[in-house]
Amino acid sequence: MDIRSTLRSLFGEERALAAVGVLGLALAAGTAVVALLRGTVVPPGGDLTKPISFDAAVGIWVLSIAALLPYADFGRRGRSVWRAAFAAAMVYFYLGETWPAFRGHDPRFFADDFGMLDRRIATFFGVDAGVVILLFLILASRWFTRRARERAPELVVGARWAAPSTVVALAVGGWMIAMEGRVVGEGGSALWPHAIGFHALQAVPLVGWLAGRCGSGTGPVHVAGALWLSAVALALAQAAAGIPPLAPSAAGAGALASLAGWTGVAIYLAGRRPASEAPAPAAGIRPPG
C-alpha cells in the first residue's frame, strides 16, 4: 500500500479534522525555523520551544482523533457538530500556546502588567482546556456502544482502553496549569504521566489494528490496553511522590515493565501473517472450529 492510499484509509472520512492536525505540525515546524534563525528566547519571558513541542504533540493527537472518529457511534449530524466544536477548540489551543510565546510571555502564566488581549487569551486557554475534556468524554462514550464495537471490534476495544489513559493525561494537564509548572515536590515531573497518557490514543488502537489485521481477536488488545493504563497510573504515582522520572523507584520500574509488555504484544502481532494471506486449508481438511 502506498502512502497516498494509507492516508486515504486513515483520514478519508475526516479530511477537515486531519487538516487541523496538520496545522499543528506546520505551526511547530514554522516556529522551529524561527527559533533556529533568531533563538528560542523572546524577551521578557517567551520560550519558543514550548509552542514547538505543544503544537506538534497536539497536532499528532488531533490526527489520531481524526483516524478514530469514524468508529464512534455518532449520527451524521452529531458527528458534524462534534467535529466543528473540536476543530475550533484545537485551533484555539494552537493560538493560546503560540501567540504568547511570540509576544514574549509564558503561554499560560502571565504577569499583571501584560496587555488585556494577552491576558484574555490566557484566561480562555483554561476555559478551552475544559471544553476539550468535555468533548473528549463525549467522543469516548460513543466508543462504548454495541454498534461501535460491531464496526471494528479490535480497533474500538483499543480506543476504549485508550480513553481512560487520555482522560488522565488531560487531568494532569489541568494539574500542571493549576500548579503553574510541571515539577512536583523535590523533582517529580507531571509531564511523564501526561505524555504517556496522551500517547495511549496512538499506541493501544495500533495494537487493535494489528490484532484485526491478523485475526487475533480482542484478547491481545485487552492485555495491551491494561498494560498501557497501568504504565500511566504508575507514572502518575511516581510524579505525585515527587520522584524524578529517571530515579530508581518501584513505580518507575513498574511503568517501564508495563511499556515493555505493551511493546512485546505489538511486536508479536506485527510478526503474524495477515488473515487475508492465510493459506487455504488442504482439500478434505476442515479448519478448526
C-alpha atoms as a PDB file:
ATOM      1  CA  MET A   1       0.000   0.000   0.000  1.00  0.00           C
ATOM      2  CA  ASP A   2       1.493   3.384  -0.988  1.00  0.00           C
ATOM      3  CA  ILE A   3       1.499   6.498   1.205  1.00  0.00           C
ATOM      4  CA  ARG A   4      -1.464   8.092  -0.582  1.00  0.00           C
ATOM      5  CA  SER A   5      -3.628   5.005  -0.107  1.00  0.00           C
ATOM      6  CA  THR A   6      -2.615   4.769   3.544  1.00  0.00           C
ATOM      7  CA  LEU A   7      -3.527   8.409   4.199  1.00  0.00           C
ATOM      8  CA  ARG A   8      -6.828   7.972   2.387  1.00  0.00           C
ATOM      9  CA  SER A   9      -7.708   4.934   4.509  1.00  0.00           C
ATOM     10  CA  LEU A  10      -6.809   6.758   7.737  1.00  0.00           C
ATOM     11  CA  PHE A  11      -8.246  10.200   7.096  1.00  0.00           C
ATOM     12  CA  GLY A  12     -10.519   9.892   4.077  1.00  0.00           C
ATOM     13  CA  GLU A  13     -13.663  10.393   6.166  1.00  0.00           C
ATOM     14  CA  GLU A  14     -12.212  13.197   8.315  1.00  0.00           C
ATOM     15  CA  ARG A  15     -10.123  15.324   5.994  1.00  0.00           C
ATOM     16  CA  ALA A  16     -11.118  18.595   7.662  1.00  0.00           C
ATOM     17  CA  LEU A  17     -10.139  17.362  11.114  1.00  0.00           C
ATOM     18  CA  ALA A  18      -6.934  15.865   9.730  1.00  0.00           C
ATOM     19  CA  ALA A  19      -6.139  19.291   8.270  1.00  0.00           C
ATOM     20  CA  VAL A  20      -6.414  20.769  11.773  1.00  0.00           C
ATOM     21  CA  GLY A  21      -3.882  18.192  12.935  1.00  0.00           C
ATOM     22  CA  VAL A  22      -1.545  19.047  10.069  1.00  0.00           C
ATOM     23  CA  LEU A  23      -1.928  22.729  11.004  1.00  0.00           C
ATOM     24  CA  GLY A  24      -0.418  21.956  14.401  1.00  0.00           C
ATOM     25  CA  LEU A  25       2.542  20.193  12.804  1.00  0.00           C
ATOM     26  CA  ALA A  26       3.001  23.118  10.390  1.00  0.00           C
ATOM     27  CA  LEU A  27       2.931  25.645  13.247  1.00  0.00           C
ATOM     28  CA  ALA A  28       5.500  23.599  15.149  1.00  0.00           C
ATOM     29  CA  ALA A  29       7.749  23.407  12.074  1.00  0.00           C
ATOM     30  CA  GLY A  30       7.392  27.128  11.337  1.00  0.00           C
ATOM     31  CA  THR A  31       8.154  28.059  14.940  1.00  0.00           C
ATOM     32  CA  ALA A  32      11.193  25.774  14.869  1.00  0.00           C
ATOM     33  CA  VAL A  33      12.509  27.614  11.817  1.00  0.00           C
ATOM     34  CA  VAL A  34      12.046  30.970  13.567  1.00  0.00           C
ATOM     35  CA  ALA A  35      13.806  29.607  16.655  1.00  0.00           C
ATOM     36  CA  LEU A  36      16.756  28.459  14.563  1.00  0.00           C
ATOM     37  CA  LEU A  37      17.047  31.889  12.917  1.00  0.00           C
ATOM     38  CA  ARG A  38      16.660  34.130  15.971  1.00  0.00           C
ATOM     39  CA  GLY A  39      16.973  31.899  19.037  1.00  0.00           C
ATOM     40  CA  THR A  40      14.377  30.355  21.334  1.00  0.00           C
ATOM     41  CA  VAL A  41      14.091  33.228  23.845  1.00  0.00           C
ATOM     42  CA  VAL A  42      11.692  36.120  23.192  1.00  0.00           C
ATOM     43  CA  PRO A  43      12.095  38.788  25.908  1.00  0.00           C
ATOM     44  CA  PRO A  44      10.914  39.194  28.525  1.00  0.00           C
ATOM     45  CA  GLY A  45       9.654  35.641  29.121  1.00  0.00           C
ATOM     46  CA  GLY A  46       8.795  33.921  25.857  1.00  0.00           C
ATOM     47  CA  ASP A  47      10.199  30.489  25.057  1.00  0.00           C
ATOM     48  CA  LEU A  48       9.620  29.211  21.524  1.00  0.00           C
ATOM     49  CA  THR A  49      10.424  25.625  22.487  1.00  0.00           C
ATOM     50  CA  LYS A  50       7.076  25.454  24.298  1.00  0.00           C
ATOM     51  CA  PRO A  51       4.826  26.022  21.269  1.00  0.00           C
ATOM     52  CA  ILE A  52       7.097  23.810  19.155  1.00  0.00           C
ATOM     53  CA  SER A  53       6.555  20.789  21.398  1.00  0.00           C
ATOM     54  CA  PHE A  54       2.933  21.653  22.247  1.00  0.00           C
ATOM     55  CA  ASP A  55       1.719  22.273  18.692  1.00  0.00           C
ATOM     56  CA  ALA A  56       3.438  19.134  17.391  1.00  0.00           C
ATOM     57  CA  ALA A  57       2.023  16.944  20.188  1.00  0.00           C
ATOM     58  CA  VAL A  58      -1.499  18.338  19.825  1.00  0.00           C
ATOM     59  CA  GLY A  59      -1.306  18.006  16.035  1.00  0.00           C
ATOM     60  CA  ILE A  60      -0.444  14.310  16.330  1.00  0.00           C
ATOM     61  CA  TRP A  61      -3.247  13.857  18.876  1.00  0.00           C
ATOM     62  CA  VAL A  62      -5.774  15.500  16.549  1.00  0.00           C
ATOM     63  CA  LEU A  63      -4.665  13.239  13.700  1.00  0.00           C
ATOM     64  CA  SER A  64      -5.249  10.248  15.980  1.00  0.00           C
ATOM     65  CA  ILE A  65      -8.756  11.520  16.760  1.00  0.00           C
ATOM     66  CA  ALA A  66      -9.410  12.039  13.039  1.00  0.00           C
ATOM     67  CA  ALA A  67      -8.486   8.409  12.327  1.00  0.00           C
ATOM     68  CA  LEU A  68     -10.673   7.049  15.149  1.00  0.00           C
ATOM     69  CA  LEU A  69     -13.712   9.335  14.888  1.00  0.00           C
ATOM     70  CA  PRO A  70     -15.379   7.273  12.103  1.00  0.00           C
ATOM     71  CA  TYR A  71     -15.576   4.317  14.505  1.00  0.00           C
ATOM     72  CA  ALA A  72     -17.527   6.263  17.151  1.00  0.00           C
ATOM     73  CA  ASP A  73     -21.270   5.692  17.266  1.00  0.00           C
ATOM     74  CA  PHE A  74     -22.370   9.167  16.134  1.00  0.00           C
ATOM     75  CA  GLY A  75     -25.217  10.059  13.830  1.00  0.00           C
ATOM     76  CA  ARG A  76     -24.325  12.208  10.843  1.00  0.00           C
ATOM     77  CA  ARG A  77     -25.489  15.454  12.453  1.00  0.00           C
ATOM     78  CA  GLY A  78     -23.991  14.655  15.860  1.00  0.00           C
ATOM     79  CA  ARG A  79     -20.649  13.816  14.318  1.00  0.00           C
ATOM     80  CA  SER A  80     -20.686  17.038  12.291  1.00  0.00           C
ATOM     81  CA  VAL A  81     -21.437  19.166  15.361  1.00  0.00           C
ATOM     82  CA  TRP A  82     -18.803  17.377  17.441  1.00  0.00           C
ATOM     83  CA  ARG A  83     -16.214  17.769  14.674  1.00  0.00           C
ATOM     84  CA  ALA A  84     -16.817  21.509  14.329  1.00  0.00           C
ATOM     85  CA  ALA A  85     -16.621  22.112  18.078  1.00  0.00           C
ATOM     86  CA  PHE A  86     -13.466  20.020  18.467  1.00  0.00           C
ATOM     87  CA  ALA A  87     -11.727  21.645  15.499  1.00  0.00           C
ATOM     88  CA  ALA A  88     -12.482  25.132  16.873  1.00  0.00           C
ATOM     89  CA  ALA A  89     -11.196  24.148  20.322  1.00  0.00           C
ATOM     90  CA  MET A  90      -7.977  22.785  18.823  1.00  0.00           C
ATOM     91  CA  VAL A  91      -7.327  25.879  16.730  1.00  0.00           C
ATOM     92  CA  TYR A  92      -7.700  27.982  19.877  1.00  0.00           C
ATOM     93  CA  PHE A  93      -5.257  25.644  21.631  1.00  0.00           C
ATOM     94  CA  TYR A  94      -2.682  26.484  18.964  1.00  0.00           C
ATOM     95  CA  LEU A  95      -3.397  30.212  19.313  1.00  0.00           C
ATOM     96  CA  GLY A  96      -3.262  30.128  23.107  1.00  0.00           C
ATOM     97  CA  GLU A  97       0.140  28.438  23.101  1.00  0.00           C
ATOM     98  CA  THR A  98       1.852  30.061  20.121  1.00  0.00           C
ATOM     99  CA  TRP A  99       0.761  33.717  20.271  1.00  0.00           C
ATOM    100  CA  PRO A 100       2.026  34.416  23.827  1.00  0.00           C
ATOM    101  CA  ALA A 101       5.450  32.890  23.147  1.00  0.00           C
ATOM    102  CA  PHE A 102       5.999  35.193  20.177  1.00  0.00           C
ATOM    103  CA  ARG A 103       4.793  38.107  22.321  1.00  0.00           C
ATOM    104  CA  GLY A 104       7.426  37.332  24.928  1.00  0.00           C
ATOM    105  CA  HIS A 105       5.129  35.790  27.526  1.00  0.00           C
ATOM    106  CA  ASP A 106       4.782  32.424  29.143  1.00  0.00           C
ATOM    107  CA  PRO A 107       1.894  30.749  27.279  1.00  0.00           C
ATOM    108  CA  ARG A 108      -0.298  30.466  30.356  1.00  0.00           C
ATOM    109  CA  PHE A 109       1.172  32.228  33.382  1.00  0.00           C
ATOM    110  CA  PHE A 110       1.097  35.955  32.717  1.00  0.00           C
ATOM    111  CA  ALA A 111       2.173  38.806  34.996  1.00  0.00           C
ATOM    112  CA  ASP A 112      -0.378  41.502  35.828  1.00  0.00           C
ATOM    113  CA  ASP A 113       1.269  44.138  33.643  1.00  0.00           C
ATOM    114  CA  PHE A 114       0.699  42.259  30.378  1.00  0.00           C
ATOM    115  CA  GLY A 115      -1.820  43.611  27.880  1.00  0.00           C
ATOM    116  CA  MET A 116      -5.554  42.981  28.063  1.00  0.00           C
ATOM    117  CA  LEU A 117      -5.583  40.877  24.869  1.00  0.00           C
ATOM    118  CA  ASP A 118      -2.754  38.688  26.147  1.00  0.00           C
ATOM    119  CA  ARG A 119      -4.475  38.112  29.478  1.00  0.00           C
ATOM    120  CA  ARG A 120      -7.790  37.295  27.810  1.00  0.00           C
ATOM    121  CA  ILE A 121      -6.138  34.750  25.530  1.00  0.00           C
ATOM    122  CA  ALA A 122      -4.519  33.137  28.577  1.00  0.00           C
ATOM    123  CA  THR A 123      -7.808  33.104  30.506  1.00  0.00           C
ATOM    124  CA  PHE A 124      -9.764  31.480  27.720  1.00  0.00           C
ATOM    125  CA  PHE A 125      -6.987  28.914  27.244  1.00  0.00           C
ATOM    126  CA  GLY A 126      -8.047  27.390  30.567  1.00  0.00           C
ATOM    127  CA  VAL A 127     -11.705  27.503  29.530  1.00  0.00           C
ATOM    128  CA  ASP A 128     -10.804  25.876  26.223  1.00  0.00           C
ATOM    129  CA  ALA A 129      -8.987  23.083  28.054  1.00  0.00           C
ATOM    130  CA  GLY A 130     -12.210  22.322  29.932  1.00  0.00           C
ATOM    131  CA  VAL A 131     -14.135  22.268  26.651  1.00  0.00           C
ATOM    132  CA  VAL A 132     -11.620  19.816  25.175  1.00  0.00           C
ATOM    133  CA  ILE A 133     -12.013  17.471  28.146  1.00  0.00           C
ATOM    134  CA  LEU A 134     -15.806  17.562  27.802  1.00  0.00           C
ATOM    135  CA  LEU A 135     -15.656  16.928  24.050  1.00  0.00           C
ATOM    136  CA  PHE A 136     -13.300  14.004  24.515  1.00  0.00           C
ATOM    137  CA  LEU A 137     -15.576  12.451  27.142  1.00  0.00           C
ATOM    138  CA  ILE A 138     -18.470  12.700  24.678  1.00  0.00           C
ATOM    139  CA  LEU A 139     -16.375  11.040  21.971  1.00  0.00           C
ATOM    140  CA  ALA A 140     -15.156   8.286  24.290  1.00  0.00           C
ATOM    141  CA  SER A 141     -18.731   7.497  25.351  1.00  0.00           C
ATOM    142  CA  ARG A 142     -19.588   6.833  21.685  1.00  0.00           C
ATOM    143  CA  TRP A 143     -16.911   4.125  21.538  1.00  0.00           C
ATOM    144  CA  PHE A 144     -18.643   2.261  24.377  1.00  0.00           C
ATOM    145  CA  THR A 145     -21.704   1.170  22.424  1.00  0.00           C
ATOM    146  CA  ARG A 146     -22.516  -2.162  20.832  1.00  0.00           C
ATOM    147  CA  ARG A 147     -22.836  -0.639  17.361  1.00  0.00           C
ATOM    148  CA  ALA A 148     -19.378   0.913  17.607  1.00  0.00           C
ATOM    149  CA  ARG A 149     -17.834  -2.403  18.629  1.00  0.00           C
ATOM    150  CA  GLU A 150     -19.514  -4.218  15.768  1.00  0.00           C
ATOM    151  CA  ARG A 151     -17.875  -1.935  13.185  1.00  0.00           C
ATOM    152  CA  ALA A 152     -14.281  -2.872  14.086  1.00  0.00           C
ATOM    153  CA  PRO A 153     -14.101  -4.897  17.325  1.00  0.00           C
ATOM    154  CA  GLU A 154     -10.344  -4.892  17.871  1.00  0.00           C
ATOM    155  CA  LEU A 155      -9.808  -1.251  16.936  1.00  0.00           C
ATOM    156  CA  VAL A 156     -12.730   0.005  19.021  1.00  0.00           C
ATOM    157  CA  VAL A 157     -11.624  -2.028  22.038  1.00  0.00           C
ATOM    158  CA  GLY A 158      -8.234  -0.359  21.637  1.00  0.00           C
ATOM    159  CA  ALA A 159      -9.904   3.063  21.602  1.00  0.00           C
ATOM    160  CA  ARG A 160     -11.885   2.127  24.703  1.00  0.00           C
ATOM    161  CA  TRP A 161      -8.728   1.189  26.594  1.00  0.00           C
ATOM    162  CA  ALA A 162      -7.008   4.368  25.423  1.00  0.00           C
ATOM    163  CA  ALA A 163      -9.843   6.571  26.692  1.00  0.00           C
ATOM    164  CA  PRO A 164      -9.096   6.432  30.464  1.00  0.00           C
ATOM    165  CA  SER A 165      -5.378   6.976  29.853  1.00  0.00           C
ATOM    166  CA  THR A 166      -6.240  10.040  27.771  1.00  0.00           C
ATOM    167  CA  VAL A 167      -8.566  11.372  30.471  1.00  0.00           C
ATOM    168  CA  VAL A 168      -5.730  11.029  32.996  1.00  0.00           C
ATOM    169  CA  ALA A 169      -3.435  12.931  30.607  1.00  0.00           C
ATOM    170  CA  LEU A 170      -5.987  15.733  30.233  1.00  0.00           C
ATOM    171  CA  ALA A 171      -6.479  15.904  34.008  1.00  0.00           C
ATOM    172  CA  VAL A 172      -2.711  16.049  34.582  1.00  0.00           C
ATOM    173  CA  GLY A 173      -2.559  18.899  32.067  1.00  0.00           C
ATOM    174  CA  GLY A 174      -5.045  20.780  34.250  1.00  0.00           C
ATOM    175  CA  TRP A 175      -2.939  19.914  37.294  1.00  0.00           C
ATOM    176  CA  MET A 176       0.136  21.460  35.662  1.00  0.00           C
ATOM    177  CA  ILE A 177      -1.818  24.632  34.882  1.00  0.00           C
ATOM    178  CA  ALA A 178      -3.038  24.818  38.496  1.00  0.00           C
ATOM    179  CA  MET A 179       0.458  24.441  39.972  1.00  0.00           C
ATOM    180  CA  GLU A 180       1.973  26.688  37.278  1.00  0.00           C
ATOM    181  CA  GLY A 181       4.602  24.192  36.169  1.00  0.00           C
ATOM    182  CA  ARG A 182       5.417  20.531  35.758  1.00  0.00           C
ATOM    183  CA  VAL A 183       7.740  19.925  38.747  1.00  0.00           C
ATOM    184  CA  VAL A 184       6.215  18.143  41.755  1.00  0.00           C
ATOM    185  CA  GLY A 185       7.974  18.131  45.127  1.00  0.00           C
ATOM    186  CA  GLU A 186      11.705  17.510  45.020  1.00  0.00           C
ATOM    187  CA  GLY A 187      11.867  16.579  41.361  1.00  0.00           C
ATOM    188  CA  GLY A 188       8.800  14.689  40.226  1.00  0.00           C
ATOM    189  CA  SER A 189       7.571  15.505  36.727  1.00  0.00           C
ATOM    190  CA  ALA A 190       3.874  15.678  35.880  1.00  0.00           C
ATOM    191  CA  LEU A 191       4.911  15.699  32.222  1.00  0.00           C
ATOM    192  CA  TRP A 192       5.845  11.988  32.499  1.00  0.00           C
ATOM    193  CA  PRO A 193       2.265  10.638  33.046  1.00  0.00           C
ATOM    194  CA  HIS A 194       0.857  13.432  30.861  1.00  0.00           C
ATOM    195  CA  ALA A 195       2.888  12.326  27.836  1.00  0.00           C
ATOM    196  CA  ILE A 196       2.338   8.592  28.310  1.00  0.00           C
ATOM    197  CA  GLY A 197      -1.389   9.118  28.738  1.00  0.00           C
ATOM    198  CA  PHE A 198      -1.711  11.141  25.541  1.00  0.00           C
ATOM    199  CA  HIS A 199       0.197   8.573  23.507  1.00  0.00           C
ATOM    200  CA  ALA A 200      -2.318   5.903  24.502  1.00  0.00           C
ATOM    201  CA  LEU A 201      -4.544   7.098  21.680  1.00  0.00           C
ATOM    202  CA  GLN A 202      -1.910   6.026  19.182  1.00  0.00           C
ATOM    203  CA  ALA A 203      -0.425   3.020  20.995  1.00  0.00           C
ATOM    204  CA  VAL A 204      -3.449   0.952  22.034  1.00  0.00           C
ATOM    205  CA  PRO A 205      -5.580   1.384  18.866  1.00  0.00           C
ATOM    206  CA  LEU A 206      -2.430   0.433  16.913  1.00  0.00           C
ATOM    207  CA  VAL A 207      -2.450  -2.904  18.715  1.00  0.00           C
ATOM    208  CA  GLY A 208      -6.162  -3.157  17.932  1.00  0.00           C
ATOM    209  CA  TRP A 209      -5.470  -2.584  14.248  1.00  0.00           C
ATOM    210  CA  LEU A 210      -2.694  -5.196  14.266  1.00  0.00           C
ATOM    211  CA  ALA A 211      -4.964  -7.693  16.024  1.00  0.00           C
ATOM    212  CA  GLY A 212      -7.741  -7.115  13.492  1.00  0.00           C
ATOM    213  CA  ARG A 213      -5.275  -7.422  10.629  1.00  0.00           C
ATOM    214  CA  CYS A 214      -4.118 -10.882  11.666  1.00  0.00           C
ATOM    215  CA  GLY A 215      -7.451 -12.076  13.091  1.00  0.00           C
ATOM    216  CA  SER A 216      -6.184 -12.452  16.668  1.00  0.00           C
ATOM    217  CA  GLY A 217      -9.371 -11.198  18.303  1.00  0.00           C
ATOM    218  CA  THR A 218      -9.630  -8.707  21.145  1.00  0.00           C
ATOM    219  CA  GLY A 219      -7.650 -10.680  23.751  1.00  0.00           C
ATOM    220  CA  PRO A 220      -4.244  -9.138  22.943  1.00  0.00           C
ATOM    221  CA  VAL A 221      -5.866  -5.686  22.804  1.00  0.00           C
ATOM    222  CA  HIS A 222      -7.190  -6.054  26.343  1.00  0.00           C
ATOM    223  CA  VAL A 223      -3.732  -7.070  27.523  1.00  0.00           C
ATOM    224  CA  ALA A 224      -2.022  -4.169  25.749  1.00  0.00           C
ATOM    225  CA  GLY A 225      -4.624  -1.679  26.978  1.00  0.00           C
ATOM    226  CA  ALA A 226      -4.320  -2.817  30.581  1.00  0.00           C
ATOM    227  CA  LEU A 227      -0.521  -2.612  30.384  1.00  0.00           C
ATOM    228  CA  TRP A 228      -0.595   0.923  28.973  1.00  0.00           C
ATOM    229  CA  LEU A 229      -3.104   2.123  31.558  1.00  0.00           C
ATOM    230  CA  SER A 230      -1.013   0.621  34.365  1.00  0.00           C
ATOM    231  CA  ALA A 231       2.043   2.462  32.994  1.00  0.00           C
ATOM    232  CA  VAL A 232       0.120   5.741  33.161  1.00  0.00           C
ATOM    233  CA  ALA A 233      -1.082   5.042  36.719  1.00  0.00           C
ATOM    234  CA  LEU A 234       2.400   4.097  37.935  1.00  0.00           C
ATOM    235  CA  ALA A 235       3.995   7.117  36.258  1.00  0.00           C
ATOM    236  CA  LEU A 236       1.386   9.323  37.934  1.00  0.00           C
ATOM    237  CA  ALA A 237       2.134   7.728  41.314  1.00  0.00           C
ATOM    238  CA  GLN A 238       5.845   8.374  40.821  1.00  0.00           C
ATOM    239  CA  ALA A 239       5.233  12.010  39.866  1.00  0.00           C
ATOM    240  CA  ALA A 240       2.844  12.593  42.804  1.00  0.00           C
ATOM    241  CA  ALA A 241       5.502  11.222  45.177  1.00  0.00           C
ATOM    242  CA  GLY A 242       7.974  13.813  43.884  1.00  0.00           C
ATOM    243  CA  ILE A 243      10.330  11.184  42.456  1.00  0.00           C
ATOM    244  CA  PRO A 244      12.224  12.243  39.281  1.00  0.00           C
ATOM    245  CA  PRO A 245      11.367  10.174  36.183  1.00  0.00           C
ATOM    246  CA  LEU A 246      14.849   8.635  35.916  1.00  0.00           C
ATOM    247  CA  ALA A 247      15.294   7.974  39.637  1.00  0.00           C
ATOM    248  CA  PRO A 248      15.111   4.308  40.740  1.00  0.00           C
ATOM    249  CA  SER A 249      11.691   3.504  42.189  1.00  0.00           C
ATOM    250  CA  ALA A 250       9.193   0.671  42.267  1.00  0.00           C
ATOM    251  CA  ALA A 251       6.616   2.796  40.439  1.00  0.00           C
ATOM    252  CA  GLY A 252       9.081   3.791  37.730  1.00  0.00           C
ATOM    253  CA  ALA A 253      10.246   0.219  37.239  1.00  0.00           C
ATOM    254  CA  GLY A 254       6.643  -0.961  37.046  1.00  0.00           C
ATOM    255  CA  ALA A 255       5.799   1.688  34.447  1.00  0.00           C
ATOM    256  CA  LEU A 256       8.750   0.702  32.290  1.00  0.00           C
ATOM    257  CA  ALA A 257       7.872  -3.002  32.636  1.00  0.00           C
ATOM    258  CA  SER A 258       4.299  -2.254  31.549  1.00  0.00           C
ATOM    259  CA  LEU A 259       5.504  -0.340  28.495  1.00  0.00           C
ATOM    260  CA  ALA A 260       7.862  -3.206  27.674  1.00  0.00           C
ATOM    261  CA  GLY A 261       4.932  -5.611  27.926  1.00  0.00           C
ATOM    262  CA  TRP A 262       2.903  -3.472  25.521  1.00  0.00           C
ATOM    263  CA  THR A 263       5.869  -3.495  23.138  1.00  0.00           C
ATOM    264  CA  GLY A 264       6.027  -7.279  23.296  1.00  0.00           C
ATOM    265  CA  VAL A 265       2.337  -7.599  22.398  1.00  0.00           C
ATOM    266  CA  ALA A 266       2.722  -5.158  19.491  1.00  0.00           C
ATOM    267  CA  ILE A 267       5.801  -6.968  18.132  1.00  0.00           C
ATOM    268  CA  TYR A 268       4.062 -10.342  18.410  1.00  0.00           C
ATOM    269  CA  LEU A 269       1.031  -9.136  16.454  1.00  0.00           C
ATOM    270  CA  ALA A 270       3.139  -7.310  13.875  1.00  0.00           C
ATOM    271  CA  GLY A 271       5.004 -10.514  13.164  1.00  0.00           C
ATOM    272  CA  ARG A 272       1.857 -12.538  12.481  1.00  0.00           C
ATOM    273  CA  ARG A 273       0.625 -13.129   8.963  1.00  0.00           C
ATOM    274  CA  PRO A 274      -2.379 -11.019   7.926  1.00  0.00           C
ATOM    275  CA  ALA A 275      -5.600 -13.039   7.945  1.00  0.00           C
ATOM    276  CA  SER A 276      -6.140 -12.275   4.257  1.00  0.00           C
ATOM    277  CA  GLU A 277      -2.869 -14.033   3.448  1.00  0.00           C
ATOM    278  CA  ALA A 278      -3.505 -17.168   5.487  1.00  0.00           C
ATOM    279  CA  PRO A 279      -3.086 -20.365   3.419  1.00  0.00           C
ATOM    280  CA  ALA A 280      -6.280 -22.121   2.375  1.00  0.00           C
ATOM    281  CA  PRO A 281      -6.927 -25.465   4.145  1.00  0.00           C
ATOM    282  CA  ALA A 282      -5.992 -28.574   2.228  1.00  0.00           C
ATOM    283  CA  ALA A 283      -8.752 -30.484   0.448  1.00  0.00           C
ATOM    284  CA  GLY A 284     -10.706 -32.704   2.812  1.00  0.00           C
ATOM    285  CA  ILE A 285      -9.402 -30.948   5.922  1.00  0.00           C
ATOM    286  CA  ARG A 286     -11.824 -28.678   7.748  1.00  0.00           C
ATOM    287  CA  PRO A 287     -10.456 -25.609   9.507  1.00  0.00           C
ATOM    288  CA  PRO A 288     -10.632 -25.597  13.340  1.00  0.00           C
ATOM    289  CA  GLY A 289     -13.991 -24.537  14.761  1.00  0.00           C
END
